[in-house]
Amino acid sequence: MRIPKTSRRPFEPLEELYLGRGDYVAGGARSLPFLDLDGARRRRPLVFGIVTDDLESCPAIAAEMFSGRQADPEEWAVMWKELGADGIALDLHGDPDLVRRVSDRTRLPIVVMGDAPGSLPSSEESVMIVTGDGASGTGHAVTATGSTAEEVSAECGRLESSGEERMVILVRGFGIGPGLSEDVSLVRDIRARALAGDRNLRHPVMADVSGCWSRGFADARLASMQEAESALAAMMAGADMVIVRGPGAADMARVYGEELADL
C-alpha cells in the first residue's frame, strides 16, 4: 500500500514583534502549536519575570525566593537576567524613571504593567510592551484583551484603526482551576482563527500566569509547580510569551519551551 504524503505547506506566517534592542522576537507562527510542518522556525516562547517597586503587592513567599534582592527593583531585575529570563515584567507603582533604569541595567525587553508608565525610552532605543490606556502614543507595543476571540479581534481592529501599529494580545488569567481551561481554549482559538485568516488576530499572544500566587499557597514550591503547570498549558495552547512570578516556573517554561519549540 502506498504511504500517504505527510508533508504539508505551512500557513502564512503570523506577525512578528521585535523587542528590546531588536534582538528578541516574538510571534511568527506558521502552524498550530507544536506541530512540525515544513518551514517551522523552532522558536520557543519568551519568558518574562515580574519585578515590582511595591513589595506589598507581591506575595511574600514569592518575594523571598530572590535572596533579598527584591528590596531593590533594579537588582531584582538583574537577578532575573542572571536566572535566564528573556525579559522583565515591571509592575510599576511609583517612579516611572525606573523603567529606563531597569532597561539600561538589563538591556532586556520590558513589559510595563501597573500605573500609567509616564516617561519611557523612545522606540528607537528599545521597543517595550505597555499595558493599559496610558500606552497609547508611546511608540511601543500596546496590548489588546477580551474574554473571547471575537472580543479580542474587535479590540485589535479598534486599536489599529486608531493608529496603533505594534500590538500584543494579552490573556491575563491562567490561574489554576476552571479558569485555566477557559484561558487555554481562548489562546488556542486565537491562534487557530489567526491562521485561518482573521488578520486582526495576527499579533503575538502573551499569557500572564502569575495569578497562581494569589490563591493563598503557604508553600513556595507548591505555588511554583502550579505556576509552571499554567505556563506550560499557555505555551502548548499557542502563547508566544508568558509572564511568571517565580524563578522555578520560569526555568521550567524555558527548558520545556526549548524542547518543544514549534516555530
Protein backbone atom coordinates (compact mmCIF):
# COMPACT_ATOMS: atom_id res chain seq x y z
CA MET A 1 0.00 0.00 0.00
CA ARG A 2 1.29 3.43 -0.89
CA ILE A 3 2.32 5.54 2.11
CA PRO A 4 0.42 8.86 2.08
CA LYS A 5 2.44 12.05 1.79
CA THR A 6 2.53 13.77 5.17
CA SER A 7 4.41 16.95 4.27
CA ARG A 8 2.09 19.97 4.35
CA ARG A 9 2.68 23.55 3.40
CA PRO A 10 2.64 25.88 6.43
CA PHE A 11 0.14 28.68 6.84
CA GLU A 12 1.08 32.24 6.01
CA PRO A 13 3.26 33.36 8.96
CA LEU A 14 1.66 35.49 11.65
CA GLU A 15 3.12 38.83 12.65
CA GLU A 16 6.47 39.08 14.41
CA LEU A 17 7.30 41.67 17.07
CA TYR A 18 10.92 42.68 17.68
CA LEU A 19 11.60 43.66 21.29
CA GLY A 20 14.42 45.08 23.35
CA ARG A 21 17.15 46.44 21.09
CA GLY A 22 15.72 44.37 18.26
CA ASP A 23 17.50 41.23 19.47
CA TYR A 24 14.38 39.46 20.79
CA VAL A 25 11.45 38.44 18.62
CA ALA A 26 8.02 37.01 19.44
CA GLY A 27 5.37 35.63 17.12
CA GLY A 28 5.73 34.48 13.55
CA ALA A 29 3.84 31.20 13.96
CA ARG A 30 3.18 29.21 10.80
CA SER A 31 1.20 26.35 12.33
CA LEU A 32 -0.93 25.37 15.28
CA PRO A 33 1.16 24.98 18.44
CA PHE A 34 3.97 22.41 18.48
CA LEU A 35 3.36 20.91 15.04
CA ASP A 36 6.37 20.08 12.88
CA LEU A 37 5.41 21.45 9.49
CA ASP A 38 7.67 22.42 6.61
CA GLY A 39 9.30 25.79 7.22
CA ALA A 40 8.95 25.64 11.05
CA ARG A 41 11.15 28.24 12.77
CA ARG A 42 11.82 26.40 16.03
CA ARG A 43 11.30 29.48 18.20
CA ARG A 44 10.38 28.92 21.83
CA PRO A 45 8.07 31.28 23.76
CA LEU A 46 9.74 34.16 25.63
CA VAL A 47 9.63 34.16 29.45
CA PHE A 48 9.21 37.42 31.41
CA GLY A 49 9.83 37.61 35.17
CA ILE A 50 7.83 40.02 37.34
CA VAL A 51 9.55 42.84 39.24
CA THR A 52 7.63 45.39 41.33
CA ASP A 53 8.52 48.60 43.13
CA ASP A 54 5.83 47.87 45.76
CA LEU A 55 6.61 44.71 47.72
CA GLU A 56 3.20 44.85 49.42
CA SER A 57 1.67 43.94 46.05
CA CYS A 58 3.83 40.80 45.82
CA PRO A 59 3.07 37.64 47.81
CA ALA A 60 5.76 37.29 50.47
CA ILE A 61 6.53 33.66 49.65
CA ALA A 62 7.32 34.69 46.07
CA ALA A 63 9.46 37.71 47.01
CA GLU A 64 11.51 35.63 49.45
CA MET A 65 12.77 33.49 46.57
CA PHE A 66 15.05 36.33 45.39
CA SER A 67 17.58 36.29 48.24
CA GLY A 68 16.91 39.82 49.48
CA ARG A 69 17.45 41.47 46.10
CA GLN A 70 13.71 42.09 45.82
CA ALA A 71 14.24 45.14 48.08
CA ASP A 72 15.86 46.92 45.10
CA PRO A 73 13.84 46.64 41.86
CA GLU A 74 16.91 47.20 39.69
CA GLU A 75 18.83 44.41 41.43
CA TRP A 76 15.74 42.22 41.27
CA ALA A 77 15.61 42.73 37.50
CA VAL A 78 19.32 41.94 37.19
CA MET A 79 18.75 38.71 39.12
CA TRP A 80 16.05 37.72 36.64
CA LYS A 81 18.59 38.20 33.86
CA GLU A 82 21.09 36.05 35.74
CA LEU A 83 18.40 33.37 36.07
CA GLY A 84 17.96 33.32 32.29
CA ALA A 85 14.69 35.23 31.84
CA ASP A 86 14.13 36.71 28.39
CA GLY A 87 12.55 39.88 29.75
CA ILE A 88 11.21 41.82 32.73
CA ALA A 89 7.53 42.40 33.53
CA LEU A 90 7.72 45.61 35.58
CA ASP A 91 4.70 46.08 37.84
CA LEU A 92 5.06 49.83 38.28
CA HIS A 93 3.53 51.72 41.21
CA GLY A 94 5.84 54.71 41.67
CA ASP A 95 8.79 56.31 39.86
CA PRO A 96 8.30 55.98 36.07
CA ASP A 97 12.03 56.53 35.53
CA LEU A 98 12.52 53.05 36.98
CA VAL A 99 11.58 51.69 33.54
CA ARG A 100 14.56 53.40 31.92
CA ARG A 101 16.94 52.34 34.69
CA VAL A 102 15.88 48.68 34.51
CA SER A 103 16.18 48.79 30.73
CA ASP A 104 19.68 50.26 30.94
CA ARG A 105 20.82 47.76 33.60
CA THR A 106 19.46 44.62 31.95
CA ARG A 107 19.09 45.51 28.25
CA LEU A 108 16.19 43.04 28.22
CA PRO A 109 12.70 43.50 26.74
CA ILE A 110 10.27 45.00 29.25
CA VAL A 111 6.54 44.68 29.79
CA VAL A 112 5.30 47.74 31.70
CA MET A 113 2.31 46.96 33.91
CA GLY A 114 0.63 48.75 36.80
CA ASP A 115 0.14 52.51 36.93
CA ALA A 116 0.46 54.87 33.96
CA PRO A 117 4.02 54.39 32.69
CA GLY A 118 4.90 58.07 32.29
CA SER A 119 8.23 58.70 30.57
CA LEU A 120 9.62 55.71 28.68
CA PRO A 121 12.68 55.26 26.49
CA SER A 122 11.83 56.07 22.88
CA SER A 123 11.08 53.24 20.48
CA GLU A 124 14.38 53.93 18.74
CA GLU A 125 16.19 52.91 21.94
CA SER A 126 14.01 50.00 23.00
CA VAL A 127 10.65 48.56 22.00
CA MET A 128 8.60 47.59 25.04
CA ILE A 129 5.14 46.16 25.63
CA VAL A 130 2.97 48.59 27.59
CA THR A 131 -0.36 47.60 29.14
CA GLY A 132 -3.27 49.89 29.98
CA ASP A 133 -4.77 53.02 28.46
CA GLY A 134 -1.65 55.07 29.15
CA ALA A 135 0.18 53.09 26.46
CA SER A 136 -1.33 54.94 23.50
CA GLY A 137 1.09 57.09 21.59
CA THR A 138 4.28 55.82 23.26
CA GLY A 139 5.66 54.21 20.11
CA HIS A 140 5.90 50.87 21.90
CA ALA A 141 3.67 47.83 21.55
CA VAL A 142 0.24 48.06 23.20
CA THR A 143 -1.97 45.26 24.45
CA ALA A 144 -5.44 44.11 23.44
CA THR A 145 -7.60 41.94 25.68
CA GLY A 146 -11.01 40.27 25.67
CA SER A 147 -12.86 37.29 27.08
CA THR A 148 -13.49 35.69 23.67
CA ALA A 149 -11.61 35.58 20.38
CA GLU A 150 -14.33 37.75 18.84
CA GLU A 151 -13.86 40.43 21.52
CA VAL A 152 -10.07 40.35 21.09
CA SER A 153 -10.41 40.63 17.32
CA ALA A 154 -12.69 43.66 17.67
CA GLU A 155 -10.29 45.33 20.14
CA CYS A 156 -7.31 44.76 17.85
CA GLY A 157 -9.27 46.25 14.98
CA ARG A 158 -10.15 49.30 17.09
CA LEU A 159 -6.54 49.85 18.09
CA GLU A 160 -5.33 49.51 14.52
CA SER A 161 -7.93 51.99 13.28
CA SER A 162 -6.72 54.47 15.92
CA GLY A 163 -3.20 54.31 14.51
CA GLU A 164 -1.51 51.65 16.64
CA GLU A 165 0.92 49.54 14.62
CA ARG A 166 2.54 47.28 17.25
CA MET A 167 0.18 45.11 19.25
CA VAL A 168 0.23 42.14 21.64
CA ILE A 169 -2.80 40.08 22.65
CA LEU A 170 -2.77 39.78 26.45
CA VAL A 171 -4.56 36.96 28.29
CA ARG A 172 -4.48 37.84 31.99
CA GLY A 173 -5.94 34.70 33.58
CA PHE A 174 -4.27 31.31 33.62
CA GLY A 175 -4.91 30.66 37.29
CA ILE A 176 -5.39 27.07 38.39
CA GLY A 177 -8.85 25.57 38.42
CA PRO A 178 -11.72 26.04 35.93
CA GLY A 179 -10.35 29.37 34.70
CA LEU A 180 -7.25 27.67 33.33
CA SER A 181 -9.14 25.55 30.82
CA GLU A 182 -11.10 28.59 29.66
CA ASP A 183 -7.93 30.59 29.05
CA VAL A 184 -6.28 27.66 27.27
CA SER A 185 -9.29 27.47 24.95
CA LEU A 186 -9.12 31.22 24.33
CA VAL A 187 -5.43 31.18 23.33
CA ARG A 188 -5.93 28.12 21.16
CA ASP A 189 -8.92 29.75 19.47
CA ILE A 190 -6.98 32.97 18.82
CA ARG A 191 -4.13 31.07 17.14
CA ALA A 192 -6.49 28.94 15.04
CA ARG A 193 -8.56 31.91 13.87
CA ALA A 194 -5.46 33.94 13.06
CA LEU A 195 -4.06 31.15 10.89
CA ALA A 196 -7.47 30.76 9.26
CA GLY A 197 -7.36 34.37 8.05
CA ASP A 198 -8.55 36.72 10.84
CA ARG A 199 -5.98 39.48 10.29
CA ASN A 200 -6.98 41.26 13.50
CA LEU A 201 -5.66 38.28 15.49
CA ARG A 202 -2.29 38.02 13.71
CA HIS A 203 -0.39 39.58 16.64
CA PRO A 204 1.74 37.69 19.21
CA VAL A 205 -0.06 36.36 22.29
CA MET A 206 1.20 36.94 25.84
CA ALA A 207 -0.18 34.96 28.81
CA ASP A 208 0.14 36.19 32.41
CA VAL A 209 0.23 33.08 34.61
CA SER A 210 1.32 34.84 37.82
CA GLY A 211 -2.20 34.74 39.29
CA CYS A 212 -1.38 31.33 40.78
CA TRP A 213 0.46 33.09 43.62
CA SER A 214 -2.66 34.95 44.77
CA ARG A 215 -4.51 31.75 45.62
CA GLY A 216 -3.13 31.56 49.16
CA PHE A 217 -0.44 28.90 48.90
CA ALA A 218 1.58 28.56 52.09
CA ASP A 219 4.45 26.79 50.35
CA ALA A 220 6.52 28.42 47.57
CA ARG A 221 7.37 25.07 45.99
CA LEU A 222 3.71 24.14 45.54
CA ALA A 223 2.89 27.58 44.12
CA SER A 224 5.84 27.31 41.74
CA MET A 225 4.67 23.95 40.44
CA GLN A 226 1.16 25.25 39.86
CA GLU A 227 2.54 28.31 38.07
CA ALA A 228 4.77 26.11 35.91
CA GLU A 229 1.77 23.97 35.01
CA SER A 230 -0.14 27.06 33.92
CA ALA A 231 2.86 28.36 31.93
CA LEU A 232 3.23 25.07 30.07
CA ALA A 233 -0.51 24.98 29.37
CA ALA A 234 -0.31 28.50 27.94
CA MET A 235 2.63 27.59 25.74
CA MET A 236 1.00 24.42 24.47
CA ALA A 237 -2.11 26.45 23.62
CA GLY A 238 -0.06 28.83 21.49
CA ALA A 239 1.18 31.69 23.69
CA ASP A 240 4.28 33.40 22.28
CA MET A 241 5.22 34.94 25.66
CA VAL A 242 4.50 34.09 29.30
CA ILE A 243 4.74 36.27 32.42
CA VAL A 244 5.73 34.43 35.61
CA ARG A 245 6.38 35.43 39.22
CA GLY A 246 8.57 32.57 40.42
CA PRO A 247 12.03 31.52 39.13
CA GLY A 248 11.08 27.85 39.25
CA ALA A 249 8.24 28.32 36.78
CA ALA A 250 10.48 30.47 34.57
CA ASP A 251 13.13 27.77 34.44
CA MET A 252 10.68 25.01 33.62
CA ALA A 253 8.95 27.12 30.97
CA ARG A 254 12.26 27.95 29.30
CA VAL A 255 13.57 24.37 29.36
CA TYR A 256 10.39 22.74 28.11
CA GLY A 257 9.91 25.54 25.59
CA GLU A 258 13.29 24.70 24.08
CA GLU A 259 12.43 21.01 23.98
CA LEU A 260 9.05 21.58 22.36
CA ALA A 261 9.80 24.66 20.21
CA ASP A 262 7.37 24.72 17.32
CA LEU A 263 8.24 27.82 15.30
